């Protein structure tokens, strides 16, 4: 089955990512996963025999929950939670001590503040 990623969200303290995915039949789901690979808006995810293929390449994803997409719930998740990348401020990250990701899902450089 093929899914297109339409929105993403990360929780830096728990290293949890959420991705809103839409099927070819317009079914909308939220994938909850852990890992250092990040699904980006516009990515195409194929699930085949318990393998995850993203944009034509096999990837390791630890999907632990799938829920129906509910707009009101998604908006609650979007409330500020300490990730600079979610606010589109990607020049530098000031939350290095609170973030569990080794690589930033948004490509932000981590700076230590003294």
PDB file of N, CA and C in Angstrom:
ATOM      1  N   UNK A   1       0.841  -1.175   0.000  1.00  0.00           N
ATOM      2  CA  UNK A   1       0.000   0.000   0.000  1.00  0.00           C
ATOM      3  C   UNK A   1       0.887   1.241   0.000  1.00  0.00           C
ATOM      4  N   UNK A   2       0.469   2.261  -0.736  1.00  0.00           N
ATOM      5  CA  UNK A   2       1.263   3.478  -0.870  1.00  0.00           C
ATOM      6  C   UNK A   2       0.601   4.632  -0.120  1.00  0.00           C
ATOM      7  N   UNK A   3       1.440   5.413   0.570  1.00  0.00           N
ATOM      8  CA  UNK A   3       0.976   6.548   1.364  1.00  0.00           C
ATOM      9  C   UNK A   3       1.828   7.765   1.046  1.00  0.00           C
ATOM     10  N   UNK A   4       1.199   8.936   1.019  1.00  0.00           N
ATOM     11  CA  UNK A   4       1.942  10.182   0.834  1.00  0.00           C
ATOM     12  C   UNK A   4       1.924  10.946   2.151  1.00  0.00           C
ATOM     13  N   UNK A   5       3.106  11.392   2.584  1.00  0.00           N
ATOM     14  CA  UNK A   5       3.239  12.141   3.835  1.00  0.00           C
ATOM     15  C   UNK A   5       2.845  13.594   3.567  1.00  0.00           C
ATOM     16  N   UNK A   6       1.866  14.095   4.342  1.00  0.00           N
ATOM     17  CA  UNK A   6       1.389  15.465   4.138  1.00  0.00           C
ATOM     18  C   UNK A   6       1.788  16.411   5.262  1.00  0.00           C
ATOM     19  N   UNK A   7       2.164  15.877   6.413  1.00  0.00           N
ATOM     20  CA  UNK A   7       2.591  16.727   7.527  1.00  0.00           C
ATOM     21  C   UNK A   7       3.410  15.886   8.497  1.00  0.00           C
ATOM     22  N   UNK A   8       4.312  16.524   9.214  1.00  0.00           N
ATOM     23  CA  UNK A   8       5.155  15.819  10.186  1.00  0.00           C
ATOM     24  C   UNK A   8       5.260  16.630  11.470  1.00  0.00           C
ATOM     25  N   UNK A   9       5.583  15.920  12.539  1.00  0.00           N
ATOM     26  CA  UNK A   9       5.744  16.530  13.851  1.00  0.00           C
ATOM     27  C   UNK A   9       6.741  15.690  14.631  1.00  0.00           C
ATOM     28  N   UNK A  10       7.604  16.336  15.399  1.00  0.00           N
ATOM     29  CA  UNK A  10       8.552  15.598  16.233  1.00  0.00           C
ATOM     30  C   UNK A  10       8.438  16.055  17.681  1.00  0.00           C
ATOM     31  N   UNK A  11       8.689  15.124  18.583  1.00  0.00           N
ATOM     32  CA  UNK A  11       8.762  15.411  20.007  1.00  0.00           C
ATOM     33  C   UNK A  11      10.205  15.138  20.434  1.00  0.00           C
ATOM     34  N   UNK A  12      11.022  16.187  20.585  1.00  0.00           N
ATOM     35  CA  UNK A  12      12.459  16.010  20.776  1.00  0.00           C
ATOM     36  C   UNK A  12      12.862  15.304  22.062  1.00  0.00           C
ATOM     37  N   UNK A  13      12.094  15.428  23.113  1.00  0.00           N
ATOM     38  CA  UNK A  13      12.481  14.786  24.378  1.00  0.00           C
ATOM     39  C   UNK A  13      12.304  13.274  24.340  1.00  0.00           C
ATOM     40  N   UNK A  14      11.263  12.803  23.647  1.00  0.00           N
ATOM     41  CA  UNK A  14      10.997  11.363  23.616  1.00  0.00           C
ATOM     42  C   UNK A  14      11.493  10.695  22.337  1.00  0.00           C
ATOM     43  N   UNK A  15      12.029  11.499  21.411  1.00  0.00           N
ATOM     44  CA  UNK A  15      12.521  10.976  20.131  1.00  0.00           C
ATOM     45  C   UNK A  15      11.397  10.285  19.347  1.00  0.00           C
ATOM     46  N   UNK A  16      10.198  10.866  19.468  1.00  0.00           N
ATOM     47  CA  UNK A  16       9.023  10.341  18.793  1.00  0.00           C
ATOM     48  C   UNK A  16       8.667  11.238  17.617  1.00  0.00           C
ATOM     49  N   UNK A  17       8.296  10.621  16.511  1.00  0.00           N
ATOM     50  CA  UNK A  17       7.885  11.363  15.317  1.00  0.00           C
ATOM     51  C   UNK A  17       6.467  10.951  14.942  1.00  0.00           C
ATOM     52  N   UNK A  18       5.721  11.896  14.415  1.00  0.00           N
ATOM     53  CA  UNK A  18       4.392  11.633  13.894  1.00  0.00           C
ATOM     54  C   UNK A  18       4.364  12.084  12.446  1.00  0.00           C
ATOM     55  N   UNK A  19       3.710  11.308  11.609  1.00  0.00           N
ATOM     56  CA  UNK A  19       3.581  11.660  10.194  1.00  0.00           C
ATOM     57  C   UNK A  19       2.142  11.440   9.760  1.00  0.00           C
ATOM     58  N   UNK A  20       1.533  12.478   9.192  1.00  0.00           N
ATOM     59  CA  UNK A  20       0.198  12.343   8.618  1.00  0.00           C
ATOM     60  C   UNK A  20       0.386  11.777   7.219  1.00  0.00           C
ATOM     61  N   UNK A  21      -0.285  10.656   6.957  1.00  0.00           N
ATOM     62  CA  UNK A  21      -0.157   9.978   5.672  1.00  0.00           C
ATOM     63  C   UNK A  21      -1.533   9.808   5.036  1.00  0.00           C
ATOM     64  N   UNK A  22      -1.587   9.979   3.720  1.00  0.00           N
ATOM     65  CA  UNK A  22      -2.833   9.846   2.974  1.00  0.00           C
ATOM     66  C   UNK A  22      -2.659   8.745   1.933  1.00  0.00           C
ATOM     67  N   UNK A  23      -3.633   7.826   1.887  1.00  0.00           N
ATOM     68  CA  UNK A  23      -3.583   6.746   0.903  1.00  0.00           C
ATOM     69  C   UNK A  23      -4.151   7.225  -0.428  1.00  0.00           C
ATOM     70  N   UNK A  24      -3.998   6.409  -1.454  1.00  0.00           N
ATOM     71  CA  UNK A  24      -4.545   6.743  -2.770  1.00  0.00           C
ATOM     72  C   UNK A  24      -6.067   6.852  -2.733  1.00  0.00           C
ATOM     73  N   UNK A  25      -6.690   6.222  -1.725  1.00  0.00           N
ATOM     74  CA  UNK A  25      -8.149   6.279  -1.581  1.00  0.00           C
ATOM     75  C   UNK A  25      -8.570   7.340  -0.568  1.00  0.00           C
ATOM     76  N   UNK A  26      -7.671   8.277  -0.271  1.00  0.00           N
ATOM     77  CA  UNK A  26      -7.919   9.422   0.623  1.00  0.00           C
ATOM     78  C   UNK A  26      -8.136   9.050   2.090  1.00  0.00           C
ATOM     79  N   UNK A  27      -7.674   7.885   2.509  1.00  0.00           N
ATOM     80  CA  UNK A  27      -7.698   7.527   3.928  1.00  0.00           C
ATOM     81  C   UNK A  27      -6.536   8.240   4.604  1.00  0.00           C
ATOM     82  N   UNK A  28      -6.810   8.954   5.700  1.00  0.00           N
ATOM     83  CA  UNK A  28      -5.770   9.718   6.401  1.00  0.00           C
ATOM     84  C   UNK A  28      -5.482   9.075   7.752  1.00  0.00           C
ATOM     85  N   UNK A  29      -4.205   8.786   7.980  1.00  0.00           N
ATOM     86  CA  UNK A  29      -3.765   8.186   9.236  1.00  0.00           C
ATOM     87  C   UNK A  29      -2.568   8.951   9.782  1.00  0.00           C
ATOM     88  N   UNK A  30      -2.334   8.769  11.089  1.00  0.00           N
ATOM     89  CA  UNK A  30      -1.137   9.318  11.723  1.00  0.00           C
ATOM     90  C   UNK A  30      -0.264   8.141  12.133  1.00  0.00           C
ATOM     91  N   UNK A  31       0.965   8.113  11.621  1.00  0.00           N
ATOM     92  CA  UNK A  31       1.938   7.086  12.009  1.00  0.00           C
ATOM     93  C   UNK A  31       2.783   7.636  13.140  1.00  0.00           C
ATOM     94  N   UNK A  32       2.894   6.888  14.217  1.00  0.00           N
ATOM     95  CA  UNK A  32       3.749   7.242  15.348  1.00  0.00           C
ATOM     96  C   UNK A  32       4.962   6.323  15.269  1.00  0.00           C
ATOM     97  N   UNK A  33       6.149   6.905  15.258  1.00  0.00           N
ATOM     98  CA  UNK A  33       7.337   6.059  15.133  1.00  0.00           C
ATOM     99  C   UNK A  33       8.528   6.665  15.869  1.00  0.00           C
ATOM    100  N   UNK A  34       9.500   5.799  16.130  1.00  0.00           N
ATOM    101  CA  UNK A  34      10.782   6.199  16.719  1.00  0.00           C
ATOM    102  C   UNK A  34      11.860   5.964  15.674  1.00  0.00           C
ATOM    103  N   UNK A  35      12.946   6.647  15.842  1.00  0.00           N
ATOM    104  CA  UNK A  35      14.080   6.381  14.970  1.00  0.00           C
ATOM    105  C   UNK A  35      14.818   7.630  14.572  1.00  0.00           C
ATOM    106  N   UNK A  36      15.919   7.424  13.882  1.00  0.00           N
ATOM    107  CA  UNK A  36      16.731   8.535  13.411  1.00  0.00           C
ATOM    108  C   UNK A  36      16.504   8.806  11.926  1.00  0.00           C
ATOM    109  N   UNK A  37      15.578   8.082  11.307  1.00  0.00           N
ATOM    110  CA  UNK A  37      15.190   8.391   9.932  1.00  0.00           C
ATOM    111  C   UNK A  37      13.886   9.181  10.002  1.00  0.00           C
ATOM    112  N   UNK A  38      13.803  10.256   9.245  1.00  0.00           N
ATOM    113  CA  UNK A  38      12.639  11.129   9.334  1.00  0.00           C
ATOM    114  C   UNK A  38      11.878  11.161   8.025  1.00  0.00           C
ATOM    115  N   UNK A  39      10.576  10.952   8.129  1.00  0.00           N
ATOM    116  CA  UNK A  39       9.708  11.122   6.972  1.00  0.00           C
ATOM    117  C   UNK A  39       9.470  12.611   6.782  1.00  0.00           C
ATOM    118  N   UNK A  40       9.613  13.089   5.580  1.00  0.00           N
ATOM    119  CA  UNK A  40       9.403  14.501   5.279  1.00  0.00           C
ATOM    120  C   UNK A  40       8.099  14.691   4.528  1.00  0.00           C
ATOM    121  N   UNK A  41       7.547  15.889   4.620  1.00  0.00           N
ATOM    122  CA  UNK A  41       6.359  16.217   3.844  1.00  0.00           C
ATOM    123  C   UNK A  41       6.670  15.982   2.366  1.00  0.00           C
ATOM    124  N   UNK A  42       5.787  15.248   1.706  1.00  0.00           N
ATOM    125  CA  UNK A  42       5.992  14.916   0.297  1.00  0.00           C
ATOM    126  C   UNK A  42       6.594  13.541   0.074  1.00  0.00           C
ATOM    127  N   UNK A  43       7.127  12.915   1.124  1.00  0.00           N
ATOM    128  CA  UNK A  43       7.687  11.569   0.984  1.00  0.00           C
ATOM    129  C   UNK A  43       6.583  10.580   0.618  1.00  0.00           C
ATOM    130  N   UNK A  44       6.962   9.546  -0.120  1.00  0.00           N
ATOM    131  CA  UNK A  44       6.036   8.469  -0.458  1.00  0.00           C
ATOM    132  C   UNK A  44       6.491   7.226   0.297  1.00  0.00           C
ATOM    133  N   UNK A  45       5.588   6.682   1.105  1.00  0.00           N
ATOM    134  CA  UNK A  45       5.875   5.507   1.924  1.00  0.00           C
ATOM    135  C   UNK A  45       5.097   4.325   1.372  1.00  0.00           C
ATOM    136  N   UNK A  46       5.807   3.237   1.114  1.00  0.00           N
ATOM    137  CA  UNK A  46       5.171   1.995   0.693  1.00  0.00           C
ATOM    138  C   UNK A  46       5.423   0.956   1.769  1.00  0.00           C
ATOM    139  N   UNK A  47       4.377   0.232   2.124  1.00  0.00           N
ATOM    140  CA  UNK A  47       4.503  -0.837   3.110  1.00  0.00           C
ATOM    141  C   UNK A  47       4.237  -2.140   2.370  1.00  0.00           C
ATOM    142  N   UNK A  48       5.237  -3.022   2.373  1.00  0.00           N
ATOM    143  CA  UNK A  48       5.141  -4.265   1.628  1.00  0.00           C
ATOM    144  C   UNK A  48       5.829  -5.371   2.415  1.00  0.00           C
ATOM    145  N   UNK A  49       5.068  -6.382   2.815  1.00  0.00           N
ATOM    146  CA  UNK A  49       5.625  -7.518   3.564  1.00  0.00           C
ATOM    147  C   UNK A  49       6.456  -7.067   4.761  1.00  0.00           C
ATOM    148  N   UNK A  50       5.928  -6.154   5.557  1.00  0.00           N
ATOM    149  CA  UNK A  50       6.594  -5.623   6.753  1.00  0.00           C
ATOM    150  C   UNK A  50       7.899  -4.894   6.450  1.00  0.00           C
ATOM    151  N   UNK A  51       8.065  -4.451   5.220  1.00  0.00           N
ATOM    152  CA  UNK A  51       9.204  -3.619   4.847  1.00  0.00           C
ATOM    153  C   UNK A  51       8.684  -2.225   4.545  1.00  0.00           C
ATOM    154  N   UNK A  52       9.473  -1.229   4.922  1.00  0.00           N
ATOM    155  CA  UNK A  52       9.096   0.158   4.688  1.00  0.00           C
ATOM    156  C   UNK A  52       9.993   0.730   3.598  1.00  0.00           C
ATOM    157  N   UNK A  53       9.382   1.181   2.535  1.00  0.00           N
ATOM    158  CA  UNK A  53      10.117   1.756   1.415  1.00  0.00           C
ATOM    159  C   UNK A  53       9.713   3.221   1.309  1.00  0.00           C
ATOM    160  N   UNK A  54      10.695   4.105   1.457  1.00  0.00           N
ATOM    161  CA  UNK A  54      10.445   5.543   1.407  1.00  0.00           C
ATOM    162  C   UNK A  54      11.131   6.101   0.165  1.00  0.00           C
ATOM    163  N   UNK A  55      10.332   6.692  -0.699  1.00  0.00           N
ATOM    164  CA  UNK A  55      10.845   7.264  -1.950  1.00  0.00           C
ATOM    165  C   UNK A  55      11.721   6.270  -2.717  1.00  0.00           C
ATOM    166  N   UNK A  56      11.271   5.008  -2.733  1.00  0.00           N
ATOM    167  CA  UNK A  56      11.966   3.978  -3.495  1.00  0.00           C
ATOM    168  C   UNK A  56      13.116   3.283  -2.790  1.00  0.00           C
ATOM    169  N   UNK A  57      13.402   3.667  -1.540  1.00  0.00           N
ATOM    170  CA  UNK A  57      14.521   3.048  -0.812  1.00  0.00           C
ATOM    171  C   UNK A  57      14.021   2.444   0.497  1.00  0.00           C
ATOM    172  N   UNK A  58      14.489   1.238   0.802  1.00  0.00           N
ATOM    173  CA  UNK A  58      14.099   0.588   2.047  1.00  0.00           C
ATOM    174  C   UNK A  58      14.691   1.339   3.234  1.00  0.00           C
ATOM    175  N   UNK A  59      13.861   1.559   4.268  1.00  0.00           N
ATOM    176  CA  UNK A  59      14.296   2.282   5.464  1.00  0.00           C
ATOM    177  C   UNK A  59      13.861   1.529   6.709  1.00  0.00           C
ATOM    178  N   UNK A  60      14.594   1.745   7.783  1.00  0.00           N
ATOM    179  CA  UNK A  60      14.243   1.178   9.078  1.00  0.00           C
ATOM    180  C   UNK A  60      13.351   2.170   9.815  1.00  0.00           C
ATOM    181  N   UNK A  61      12.119   1.797  10.063  1.00  0.00           N
ATOM    182  CA  UNK A  61      11.200   2.608  10.849  1.00  0.00           C
ATOM    183  C   UNK A  61      10.624   1.742  11.952  1.00  0.00           C
ATOM    184  N   UNK A  62      10.537   2.281  13.148  1.00  0.00           N
ATOM    185  CA  UNK A  62       9.923   1.578  14.270  1.00  0.00           C
ATOM    186  C   UNK A  62       8.544   2.192  14.500  1.00  0.00           C
ATOM    187  N   UNK A  63       7.567   1.773  13.671  1.00  0.00           N
ATOM    188  CA  UNK A  63       6.202   2.280  13.807  1.00  0.00           C
ATOM    189  C   UNK A  63       5.549   1.534  14.961  1.00  0.00           C
ATOM    190  N   UNK A  64       5.133   2.280  15.987  1.00  0.00           N
ATOM    191  CA  UNK A  64       4.557   1.633  17.154  1.00  0.00           C
ATOM    192  C   UNK A  64       3.078   1.938  17.349  1.00  0.00           C
ATOM    193  N   UNK A  65       2.536   2.851  16.540  1.00  0.00           N
ATOM    194  CA  UNK A  65       1.125   3.183  16.694  1.00  0.00           C
ATOM    195  C   UNK A  65       0.623   3.817  15.401  1.00  0.00           C
ATOM    196  N   UNK A  66      -0.598   3.479  15.026  1.00  0.00           N
ATOM    197  CA  UNK A  66      -1.259   4.107  13.884  1.00  0.00           C
ATOM    198  C   UNK A  66      -2.647   4.514  14.343  1.00  0.00           C
ATOM    199  N   UNK A  67      -2.975   5.795  14.155  1.00  0.00           N
ATOM    200  CA  UNK A  67      -4.277   6.301  14.582  1.00  0.00           C
ATOM    201  C   UNK A  67      -4.949   7.027  13.422  1.00  0.00           C
ATOM    202  N   UNK A  68      -6.278   7.123  13.459  1.00  0.00           N
ATOM    203  CA  UNK A  68      -6.959   7.921  12.440  1.00  0.00           C
ATOM    204  C   UNK A  68      -6.577   9.390  12.597  1.00  0.00           C
ATOM    205  N   UNK A  69      -6.501  10.106  11.498  1.00  0.00           N
ATOM    206  CA  UNK A  69      -6.204  11.536  11.559  1.00  0.00           C
ATOM    207  C   UNK A  69      -7.457  12.287  11.983  1.00  0.00           C
ATOM    208  N   UNK A  70      -7.310  13.089  13.045  1.00  0.00           N
ATOM    209  CA  UNK A  70      -8.394  13.950  13.511  1.00  0.00           C
ATOM    210  C   UNK A  70      -7.828  15.362  13.603  1.00  0.00           C
ATOM    211  N   UNK A  71      -8.312  16.292  12.777  1.00  0.00           N
ATOM    212  CA  UNK A  71      -7.736  17.640  12.728  1.00  0.00           C
ATOM    213  C   UNK A  71      -7.636  18.328  14.086  1.00  0.00           C
ATOM    214  N   UNK A  72      -8.662  18.222  14.914  1.00  0.00           N
ATOM    215  CA  UNK A  72      -8.622  18.907  16.212  1.00  0.00           C
ATOM    216  C   UNK A  72      -7.527  18.336  17.115  1.00  0.00           C
ATOM    217  N   UNK A  73      -7.325  17.031  17.054  1.00  0.00           N
ATOM    218  CA  UNK A  73      -6.259  16.410  17.850  1.00  0.00           C
ATOM    219  C   UNK A  73      -4.888  16.829  17.310  1.00  0.00           C
ATOM    220  N   UNK A  74      -4.738  16.847  15.993  1.00  0.00           N
ATOM    221  CA  UNK A  74      -3.472  17.237  15.379  1.00  0.00           C
ATOM    222  C   UNK A  74      -3.097  18.662  15.791  1.00  0.00           C
ATOM    223  N   UNK A  75      -4.058  19.556  15.830  1.00  0.00           N
ATOM    224  CA  UNK A  75      -3.786  20.947  16.229  1.00  0.00           C
ATOM    225  C   UNK A  75      -3.327  21.029  17.686  1.00  0.00           C
ATOM    226  N   UNK A  76      -3.805  20.130  18.525  1.00  0.00           N
ATOM    227  CA  UNK A  76      -3.327  20.082  19.912  1.00  0.00           C
ATOM    228  C   UNK A  76      -1.856  19.669  19.954  1.00  0.00           C
ATOM    229  N   UNK A  77      -1.486  18.720  19.107  1.00  0.00           N
ATOM    230  CA  UNK A  77      -0.089  18.285  19.052  1.00  0.00           C
ATOM    231  C   UNK A  77       0.829  19.407  18.581  1.00  0.00           C
ATOM    232  N   UNK A  78       0.318  20.298  17.750  1.00  0.00           N
ATOM    233  CA  UNK A  78       1.132  21.361  17.167  1.00  0.00           C
ATOM    234  C   UNK A  78       1.454  22.496  18.124  1.00  0.00           C
ATOM    235  N   UNK A  79       0.850  22.496  19.304  1.00  0.00           N
ATOM    236  CA  UNK A  79       1.151  23.560  20.268  1.00  0.00           C
ATOM    237  C   UNK A  79       2.640  23.518  20.599  1.00  0.00           C
ATOM    238  N   UNK A  80       3.237  24.673  20.912  1.00  0.00           N
ATOM    239  CA  UNK A  80       4.684  24.730  21.160  1.00  0.00           C
ATOM    240  C   UNK A  80       5.160  23.667  22.156  1.00  0.00           C
ATOM    241  N   UNK A  81       6.245  23.006  21.783  1.00  0.00           N
ATOM    242  CA  UNK A  81       6.791  21.954  22.645  1.00  0.00           C
ATOM    243  C   UNK A  81       8.317  21.938  22.649  1.00  0.00           C
ATOM    244  N   UNK A  82       8.940  23.054  22.347  1.00  0.00           N
ATOM    245  CA  UNK A  82      10.379  23.166  22.530  1.00  0.00           C
ATOM    246  C   UNK A  82      11.262  22.792  21.365  1.00  0.00           C
ATOM    247  N   UNK A  83      10.694  22.615  20.171  1.00  0.00           N
ATOM    248  CA  UNK A  83      11.525  22.283  19.019  1.00  0.00           C
ATOM    249  C   UNK A  83      11.561  23.469  18.066  1.00  0.00           C
ATOM    250  N   UNK A  84      12.738  24.029  17.866  1.00  0.00           N
ATOM    251  CA  UNK A  84      12.900  25.182  16.974  1.00  0.00           C
ATOM    252  C   UNK A  84      12.483  24.857  15.549  1.00  0.00           C
ATOM    253  N   UNK A  85      12.717  23.635  15.118  1.00  0.00           N
ATOM    254  CA  UNK A  85      12.386  23.240  13.755  1.00  0.00           C
ATOM    255  C   UNK A  85      10.902  23.288  13.463  1.00  0.00           C
ATOM    256  N   UNK A  86      10.077  23.028  14.463  1.00  0.00           N
ATOM    257  CA  UNK A  86       8.632  23.060  14.262  1.00  0.00           C
ATOM    258  C   UNK A  86       8.132  24.479  14.031  1.00  0.00           C
ATOM    259  N   UNK A  87       8.898  25.473  14.463  1.00  0.00           N
ATOM    260  CA  UNK A  87       8.494  26.863  14.255  1.00  0.00           C
ATOM    261  C   UNK A  87       9.141  27.434  13.000  1.00  0.00           C
ATOM    262  N   UNK A  88       9.780  26.560  12.224  1.00  0.00           N
ATOM    263  CA  UNK A  88      10.456  26.939  10.980  1.00  0.00           C
ATOM    264  C   UNK A  88      11.666  27.835  11.213  1.00  0.00           C
ATOM    265  N   UNK A  89      12.123  27.932  12.455  1.00  0.00           N
ATOM    266  CA  UNK A  89      13.335  28.686  12.775  1.00  0.00           C
ATOM    267  C   UNK A  89      14.490  27.697  12.766  1.00  0.00           C
ATOM    268  N   UNK A  90      15.108  27.505  11.608  1.00  0.00           N
ATOM    269  CA  UNK A  90      16.089  26.428  11.460  1.00  0.00           C
ATOM    270  C   UNK A  90      17.538  26.898  11.416  1.00  0.00           C
ATOM    271  N   UNK A  91      17.815  28.110  11.842  1.00  0.00           N
ATOM    272  CA  UNK A  91      19.202  28.568  11.830  1.00  0.00           C
ATOM    273  C   UNK A  91      20.028  27.880  12.905  1.00  0.00           C
ATOM    274  N   UNK A  92      19.503  27.821  14.107  1.00  0.00           N
ATOM    275  CA  UNK A  92      20.221  27.137  15.179  1.00  0.00           C
ATOM    276  C   UNK A  92      19.238  26.624  16.216  1.00  0.00           C
ATOM    277  N   UNK A  93      19.664  25.613  16.932  1.00  0.00           N
ATOM    278  CA  UNK A  93      18.832  24.999  17.959  1.00  0.00           C
ATOM    279  C   UNK A  93      19.366  25.393  19.331  1.00  0.00           C
ATOM    280  N   UNK A  94      18.491  25.900  20.150  1.00  0.00           N
ATOM    281  CA  UNK A  94      18.884  26.296  21.503  1.00  0.00           C
ATOM    282  C   UNK A  94      18.406  25.280  22.541  1.00  0.00           C
ATOM    283  N   UNK A  95      17.949  24.123  22.090  1.00  0.00           N
ATOM    284  CA  UNK A  95      17.369  23.131  22.994  1.00  0.00           C
ATOM    285  C   UNK A  95      18.189  21.842  23.044  1.00  0.00           C
ATOM    286  N   UNK A  96      19.488  21.962  22.869  1.00  0.00           N
ATOM    287  CA  UNK A  96      20.343  20.777  22.790  1.00  0.00           C
ATOM    288  C   UNK A  96      20.221  19.875  24.021  1.00  0.00           C
ATOM    289  N   UNK A  97      20.055  20.451  25.190  1.00  0.00           N
ATOM    290  CA  UNK A  97      19.979  19.642  26.410  1.00  0.00           C
ATOM    291  C   UNK A  97      18.658  18.902  26.526  1.00  0.00           C
ATOM    292  N   UNK A  98      17.630  19.355  25.815  1.00  0.00           N
ATOM    293  CA  UNK A  98      16.310  18.745  25.898  1.00  0.00           C
ATOM    294  C   UNK A  98      16.022  17.800  24.737  1.00  0.00           C
ATOM    295  N   UNK A  99      16.868  17.782  23.731  1.00  0.00           N
ATOM    296  CA  UNK A  99      16.602  17.021  22.515  1.00  0.00           C
ATOM    297  C   UNK A  99      17.360  15.691  22.520  1.00  0.00           C
ATOM    298  N   UNK A 100      16.634  14.597  22.261  1.00  0.00           N
ATOM    299  CA  UNK A 100      17.240  13.267  22.259  1.00  0.00           C
ATOM    300  C   UNK A 100      17.729  12.840  20.874  1.00  0.00           C
ATOM    301  N   UNK A 101      17.403  13.605  19.836  1.00  0.00           N
ATOM    302  CA  UNK A 101      17.826  13.239  18.483  1.00  0.00           C
ATOM    303  C   UNK A 101      19.313  13.509  18.283  1.00  0.00           C
ATOM    304  N   UNK A 102      19.989  12.592  17.616  1.00  0.00           N
ATOM    305  CA  UNK A 102      21.393  12.788  17.268  1.00  0.00           C
ATOM    306  C   UNK A 102      21.479  13.752  16.092  1.00  0.00           C
ATOM    307  N   UNK A 103      20.633  13.540  15.099  1.00  0.00           N
ATOM    308  CA  UNK A 103      20.532  14.435  13.947  1.00  0.00           C
ATOM    309  C   UNK A 103      19.186  15.139  14.013  1.00  0.00           C
ATOM    310  N   UNK A 104      19.183  16.404  13.712  1.00  0.00           N
ATOM    311  CA  UNK A 104      17.938  17.169  13.740  1.00  0.00           C
ATOM    312  C   UNK A 104      17.071  16.804  12.532  1.00  0.00           C
ATOM    313  N   UNK A 105      15.794  16.518  12.757  1.00  0.00           N
ATOM    314  CA  UNK A 105      14.907  16.207  11.638  1.00  0.00           C
ATOM    315  C   UNK A 105      14.747  17.371  10.664  1.00  0.00           C
ATOM    316  N   UNK A 106      15.063  18.573  11.106  1.00  0.00           N
ATOM    317  CA  UNK A 106      14.893  19.760  10.277  1.00  0.00           C
ATOM    318  C   UNK A 106      16.221  20.299   9.756  1.00  0.00           C
ATOM    319  N   UNK A 107      17.313  19.608  10.054  1.00  0.00           N
ATOM    320  CA  UNK A 107      18.620  20.026   9.575  1.00  0.00           C
ATOM    321  C   UNK A 107      19.235  21.167  10.367  1.00  0.00           C
ATOM    322  N   UNK A 108      18.674  21.455  11.519  1.00  0.00           N
ATOM    323  CA  UNK A 108      19.187  22.541  12.348  1.00  0.00           C
ATOM    324  C   UNK A 108      20.480  22.117  13.023  1.00  0.00           C
ATOM    325  N   UNK A 109      21.414  23.022  13.110  1.00  0.00           N
ATOM    326  CA  UNK A 109      22.660  22.739  13.817  1.00  0.00           C
ATOM    327  C   UNK A 109      22.445  22.992  15.289  1.00  0.00           C
ATOM    328  N   UNK A 110      22.971  22.097  16.108  1.00  0.00           N
ATOM    329  CA  UNK A 110      22.864  22.261  17.555  1.00  0.00           C
ATOM    330  C   UNK A 110      24.031  23.091  18.062  1.00  0.00           C
ATOM    331  N   UNK A 111      23.725  24.082  18.865  1.00  0.00           N
ATOM    332  CA  UNK A 111      24.747  24.939  19.460  1.00  0.00           C
ATOM    333  C   UNK A 111      24.687  24.803  20.970  1.00  0.00           C
ATOM    334  N   UNK A 112      25.834  24.636  21.566  1.00  0.00           N
ATOM    335  CA  UNK A 112      25.906  24.631  23.021  1.00  0.00           C
ATOM    336  C   UNK A 112      25.957  26.067  23.509  1.00  0.00           C
ATOM    337  N   UNK A 113      25.179  26.352  24.525  1.00  0.00           N
ATOM    338  CA  UNK A 113      25.232  27.695  25.106  1.00  0.00           C
ATOM    339  C   UNK A 113      25.986  27.615  26.418  1.00  0.00           C
ATOM    340  N   UNK A 114      26.855  28.570  26.636  1.00  0.00           N
ATOM    341  CA  UNK A 114      27.677  28.578  27.849  1.00  0.00           C
ATOM    342  C   UNK A 114      27.252  29.727  28.723  1.00  0.00           C
TER     343      UNK A 114
END
